[in-house]
Amino acid sequence: MQSLAAGLPLGKDLLLLISIDWKNIPVGLVASSASFLCSVMIVQFALDYWL
């Protein structure tokens, strides 16, 4: 039942989320993608080095 309550606090800030400019969405996607790609490169280097 904990997973059902996880999204409830988001509802109280719904107006704040709506007021955020749409340009923050692509910036967030680019930041998440860059973080993922960097972690993949680090893991790839580590696996090549140790194996």
PDB file of N, CA and C in Angstrom:
ATOM      1  N   MET A   1       0.805  -1.199   0.000  1.00  0.00           N
ATOM      2  CA  MET A   1       0.000   0.000   0.000  1.00  0.00           C
ATOM      3  C   MET A   1       0.845   1.258   0.000  1.00  0.00           C
ATOM      4  N   GLN A   2       2.125   1.133   0.285  1.00  0.00           N
ATOM      5  CA  GLN A   2       2.978   2.309   0.323  1.00  0.00           C
ATOM      6  C   GLN A   2       3.132   2.921  -1.070  1.00  0.00           C
ATOM      7  N   SER A   3       3.135   2.085  -2.105  1.00  0.00           N
ATOM      8  CA  SER A   3       3.319   2.615  -3.450  1.00  0.00           C
ATOM      9  C   SER A   3       2.125   3.456  -3.894  1.00  0.00           C
ATOM     10  N   LEU A   4       0.941   3.182  -3.358  1.00  0.00           N
ATOM     11  CA  LEU A   4      -0.224   3.988  -3.712  1.00  0.00           C
ATOM     12  C   LEU A   4      -0.114   5.394  -3.144  1.00  0.00           C
ATOM     13  N   ALA A   5       0.494   5.528  -1.989  1.00  0.00           N
ATOM     14  CA  ALA A   5       0.603   6.829  -1.346  1.00  0.00           C
ATOM     15  C   ALA A   5       1.800   7.633  -1.842  1.00  0.00           C
ATOM     16  N   ALA A   6       2.648   7.030  -2.640  1.00  0.00           N
ATOM     17  CA  ALA A   6       3.869   7.715  -3.062  1.00  0.00           C
ATOM     18  C   ALA A   6       3.573   8.920  -3.955  1.00  0.00           C
ATOM     19  N   GLY A   7       2.523   8.873  -4.748  1.00  0.00           N
ATOM     20  CA  GLY A   7       2.217   9.975  -5.647  1.00  0.00           C
ATOM     21  C   GLY A   7       1.308  11.033  -5.061  1.00  0.00           C
ATOM     22  N   LEU A   8       0.798  10.826  -3.870  1.00  0.00           N
ATOM     23  CA  LEU A   8      -0.143  11.778  -3.288  1.00  0.00           C
ATOM     24  C   LEU A   8       0.464  13.142  -2.998  1.00  0.00           C
ATOM     25  N   PRO A   9       1.680  13.248  -2.481  1.00  0.00           N
ATOM     26  CA  PRO A   9       2.225  14.584  -2.236  1.00  0.00           C
ATOM     27  C   PRO A   9       2.401  15.405  -3.515  1.00  0.00           C
ATOM     28  N   LEU A  10       2.455  14.766  -4.652  1.00  0.00           N
ATOM     29  CA  LEU A  10       2.598  15.476  -5.920  1.00  0.00           C
ATOM     30  C   LEU A  10       1.358  16.302  -6.227  1.00  0.00           C
ATOM     31  N   GLY A  11       0.197  15.824  -5.785  1.00  0.00           N
ATOM     32  CA  GLY A  11      -1.060  16.504  -6.071  1.00  0.00           C
ATOM     33  C   GLY A  11      -1.161  17.876  -5.437  1.00  0.00           C
ATOM     34  N   LYS A  12      -0.568  18.056  -4.280  1.00  0.00           N
ATOM     35  CA  LYS A  12      -0.667  19.360  -3.618  1.00  0.00           C
ATOM     36  C   LYS A  12       0.169  20.417  -4.324  1.00  0.00           C
ATOM     37  N   ASP A  13       1.159  20.021  -5.091  1.00  0.00           N
ATOM     38  CA  ASP A  13       2.008  20.959  -5.830  1.00  0.00           C
ATOM     39  C   ASP A  13       1.678  20.990  -7.315  1.00  0.00           C
ATOM     40  N   LEU A  14       0.479  20.566  -7.659  1.00  0.00           N
ATOM     41  CA  LEU A  14       0.109  20.475  -9.071  1.00  0.00           C
ATOM     42  C   LEU A  14       0.121  21.844  -9.747  1.00  0.00           C
ATOM     43  N   LEU A  15      -0.376  22.869  -9.085  1.00  0.00           N
ATOM     44  CA  LEU A  15      -0.375  24.210  -9.685  1.00  0.00           C
ATOM     45  C   LEU A  15       1.044  24.722  -9.886  1.00  0.00           C
ATOM     46  N   LEU A  16       1.933  24.387  -8.972  1.00  0.00           N
ATOM     47  CA  LEU A  16       3.333  24.783  -9.134  1.00  0.00           C
ATOM     48  C   LEU A  16       3.957  24.060 -10.323  1.00  0.00           C
ATOM     49  N   LEU A  17       3.647  22.781 -10.472  1.00  0.00           N
ATOM     50  CA  LEU A  17       4.191  22.021 -11.602  1.00  0.00           C
ATOM     51  C   LEU A  17       3.665  22.541 -12.936  1.00  0.00           C
ATOM     52  N   ILE A  18       2.407  22.967 -12.951  1.00  0.00           N
ATOM     53  CA  ILE A  18       1.833  23.501 -14.188  1.00  0.00           C
ATOM     54  C   ILE A  18       2.476  24.835 -14.548  1.00  0.00           C
ATOM     55  N   SER A  19       2.825  25.622 -13.536  1.00  0.00           N
ATOM     56  CA  SER A  19       3.378  26.950 -13.800  1.00  0.00           C
ATOM     57  C   SER A  19       4.841  26.917 -14.241  1.00  0.00           C
ATOM     58  N   ILE A  20       5.518  25.791 -14.074  1.00  0.00           N
ATOM     59  CA  ILE A  20       6.919  25.695 -14.499  1.00  0.00           C
ATOM     60  C   ILE A  20       6.982  25.750 -16.025  1.00  0.00           C
ATOM     61  N   ASP A  21       7.923  26.492 -16.527  1.00  0.00           N
ATOM     62  CA  ASP A  21       8.061  26.671 -17.968  1.00  0.00           C
ATOM     63  C   ASP A  21       8.348  25.341 -18.655  1.00  0.00           C
ATOM     64  N   TRP A  22       7.825  25.156 -19.848  1.00  0.00           N
ATOM     65  CA  TRP A  22       7.980  23.895 -20.568  1.00  0.00           C
ATOM     66  C   TRP A  22       9.425  23.657 -20.996  1.00  0.00           C
ATOM     67  N   LYS A  23      10.248  24.698 -21.011  1.00  0.00           N
ATOM     68  CA  LYS A  23      11.637  24.546 -21.433  1.00  0.00           C
ATOM     69  C   LYS A  23      12.457  23.739 -20.432  1.00  0.00           C
ATOM     70  N   ASN A  24      11.966  23.580 -19.220  1.00  0.00           N
ATOM     71  CA  ASN A  24      12.676  22.773 -18.236  1.00  0.00           C
ATOM     72  C   ASN A  24      12.602  21.283 -18.542  1.00  0.00           C
ATOM     73  N   ILE A  25      11.608  20.864 -19.311  1.00  0.00           N
ATOM     74  CA  ILE A  25      11.452  19.441 -19.639  1.00  0.00           C
ATOM     75  C   ILE A  25      12.600  18.963 -20.522  1.00  0.00           C
ATOM     76  N   PRO A  26      12.926  19.622 -21.642  1.00  0.00           N
ATOM     77  CA  PRO A  26      14.071  19.158 -22.441  1.00  0.00           C
ATOM     78  C   PRO A  26      15.394  19.240 -21.682  1.00  0.00           C
ATOM     79  N   VAL A  27      15.547  20.262 -20.850  1.00  0.00           N
ATOM     80  CA  VAL A  27      16.780  20.380 -20.067  1.00  0.00           C
ATOM     81  C   VAL A  27      16.911  19.188 -19.124  1.00  0.00           C
ATOM     82  N   GLY A  28      15.814  18.800 -18.494  1.00  0.00           N
ATOM     83  CA  GLY A  28      15.830  17.636 -17.616  1.00  0.00           C
ATOM     84  C   GLY A  28      16.119  16.353 -18.367  1.00  0.00           C
ATOM     85  N   LEU A  29      15.560  16.218 -19.556  1.00  0.00           N
ATOM     86  CA  LEU A  29      15.818  15.021 -20.366  1.00  0.00           C
ATOM     87  C   LEU A  29      17.281  14.946 -20.796  1.00  0.00           C
ATOM     88  N   VAL A  30      17.852  16.071 -21.184  1.00  0.00           N
ATOM     89  CA  VAL A  30      19.257  16.095 -21.594  1.00  0.00           C
ATOM     90  C   VAL A  30      20.158  15.772 -20.402  1.00  0.00           C
ATOM     91  N   ALA A  31      19.839  16.335 -19.242  1.00  0.00           N
ATOM     92  CA  ALA A  31      20.645  16.070 -18.051  1.00  0.00           C
ATOM     93  C   ALA A  31      20.570  14.602 -17.650  1.00  0.00           C
ATOM     94  N   SER A  32      19.386  14.027 -17.708  1.00  0.00           N
ATOM     95  CA  SER A  32      19.232  12.610 -17.361  1.00  0.00           C
ATOM     96  C   SER A  32      19.962  11.722 -18.367  1.00  0.00           C
ATOM     97  N   SER A  33      19.847  12.055 -19.638  1.00  0.00           N
ATOM     98  CA  SER A  33      20.519  11.268 -20.676  1.00  0.00           C
ATOM     99  C   SER A  33      22.032  11.358 -20.539  1.00  0.00           C
ATOM    100  N   ALA A  34      22.545  12.553 -20.269  1.00  0.00           N
ATOM    101  CA  ALA A  34      23.987  12.725 -20.109  1.00  0.00           C
ATOM    102  C   ALA A  34      24.490  11.959 -18.891  1.00  0.00           C
ATOM    103  N   SER A  35      23.741  11.982 -17.822  1.00  0.00           N
ATOM    104  CA  SER A  35      24.119  11.240 -16.621  1.00  0.00           C
ATOM    105  C   SER A  35      24.150   9.744 -16.904  1.00  0.00           C
ATOM    106  N   PHE A  36      23.151   9.249 -17.622  1.00  0.00           N
ATOM    107  CA  PHE A  36      23.103   7.836 -17.967  1.00  0.00           C
ATOM    108  C   PHE A  36      24.273   7.445 -18.863  1.00  0.00           C
ATOM    109  N   LEU A  37      24.558   8.257 -19.878  1.00  0.00           N
ATOM    110  CA  LEU A  37      25.647   7.934 -20.806  1.00  0.00           C
ATOM    111  C   LEU A  37      27.002   7.963 -20.100  1.00  0.00           C
ATOM    112  N   CYS A  38      27.198   8.914 -19.199  1.00  0.00           N
ATOM    113  CA  CYS A  38      28.454   8.956 -18.443  1.00  0.00           C
ATOM    114  C   CYS A  38      28.604   7.725 -17.562  1.00  0.00           C
ATOM    115  N   SER A  39      27.528   7.304 -16.924  1.00  0.00           N
ATOM    116  CA  SER A  39      27.618   6.114 -16.079  1.00  0.00           C
ATOM    117  C   SER A  39      27.885   4.870 -16.917  1.00  0.00           C
ATOM    118  N   VAL A  40      27.317   4.806 -18.105  1.00  0.00           N
ATOM    119  CA  VAL A  40      27.575   3.666 -18.992  1.00  0.00           C
ATOM    120  C   VAL A  40      29.040   3.645 -19.413  1.00  0.00           C
ATOM    121  N   MET A  41      29.604   4.807 -19.729  1.00  0.00           N
ATOM    122  CA  MET A  41      31.018   4.851 -20.124  1.00  0.00           C
ATOM    123  C   MET A  41      31.933   4.462 -18.964  1.00  0.00           C
ATOM    124  N   ILE A  42      31.603   4.895 -17.759  1.00  0.00           N
ATOM    125  CA  ILE A  42      32.420   4.533 -16.598  1.00  0.00           C
ATOM    126  C   ILE A  42      32.370   3.037 -16.345  1.00  0.00           C
ATOM    127  N   VAL A  43      31.181   2.455 -16.422  1.00  0.00           N
ATOM    128  CA  VAL A  43      31.044   1.012 -16.208  1.00  0.00           C
ATOM    129  C   VAL A  43      31.750   0.240 -17.312  1.00  0.00           C
ATOM    130  N   GLN A  44      31.637   0.707 -18.540  1.00  0.00           N
ATOM    131  CA  GLN A  44      32.303   0.027 -19.649  1.00  0.00           C
ATOM    132  C   GLN A  44      33.816   0.051 -19.454  1.00  0.00           C
ATOM    133  N   PHE A  45      34.348   1.190 -19.052  1.00  0.00           N
ATOM    134  CA  PHE A  45      35.782   1.298 -18.805  1.00  0.00           C
ATOM    135  C   PHE A  45      36.195   0.368 -17.665  1.00  0.00           C
ATOM    136  N   ALA A  46      35.397   0.349 -16.596  1.00  0.00           N
ATOM    137  CA  ALA A  46      35.717  -0.495 -15.441  1.00  0.00           C
ATOM    138  C   ALA A  46      35.681  -1.970 -15.807  1.00  0.00           C
ATOM    139  N   LEU A  47      34.711  -2.380 -16.579  1.00  0.00           N
ATOM    140  CA  LEU A  47      34.617  -3.795 -16.974  1.00  0.00           C
ATOM    141  C   LEU A  47      35.754  -4.177 -17.913  1.00  0.00           C
ATOM    142  N   ASP A  48      36.117  -3.288 -18.824  1.00  0.00           N
ATOM    143  CA  ASP A  48      37.233  -3.578 -19.709  1.00  0.00           C
ATOM    144  C   ASP A  48      38.549  -3.634 -18.950  1.00  0.00           C
ATOM    145  N   TYR A  49      38.662  -2.813 -17.924  1.00  0.00           N
ATOM    146  CA  TYR A  49      39.907  -2.758 -17.151  1.00  0.00           C
ATOM    147  C   TYR A  49      40.073  -3.989 -16.271  1.00  0.00           C
ATOM    148  N   TRP A  50      38.995  -4.419 -15.597  1.00  0.00           N
ATOM    149  CA  TRP A  50      39.107  -5.504 -14.647  1.00  0.00           C
ATOM    150  C   TRP A  50      38.891  -6.883 -15.266  1.00  0.00           C
ATOM    151  N   LEU A  51      38.242  -6.956 -16.393  1.00  0.00           N
ATOM    152  CA  LEU A  51      37.972  -8.276 -16.983  1.00  0.00           C
ATOM    153  C   LEU A  51      38.841  -8.573 -18.150  1.00  0.00           C
TER     154      LEU A  51
END
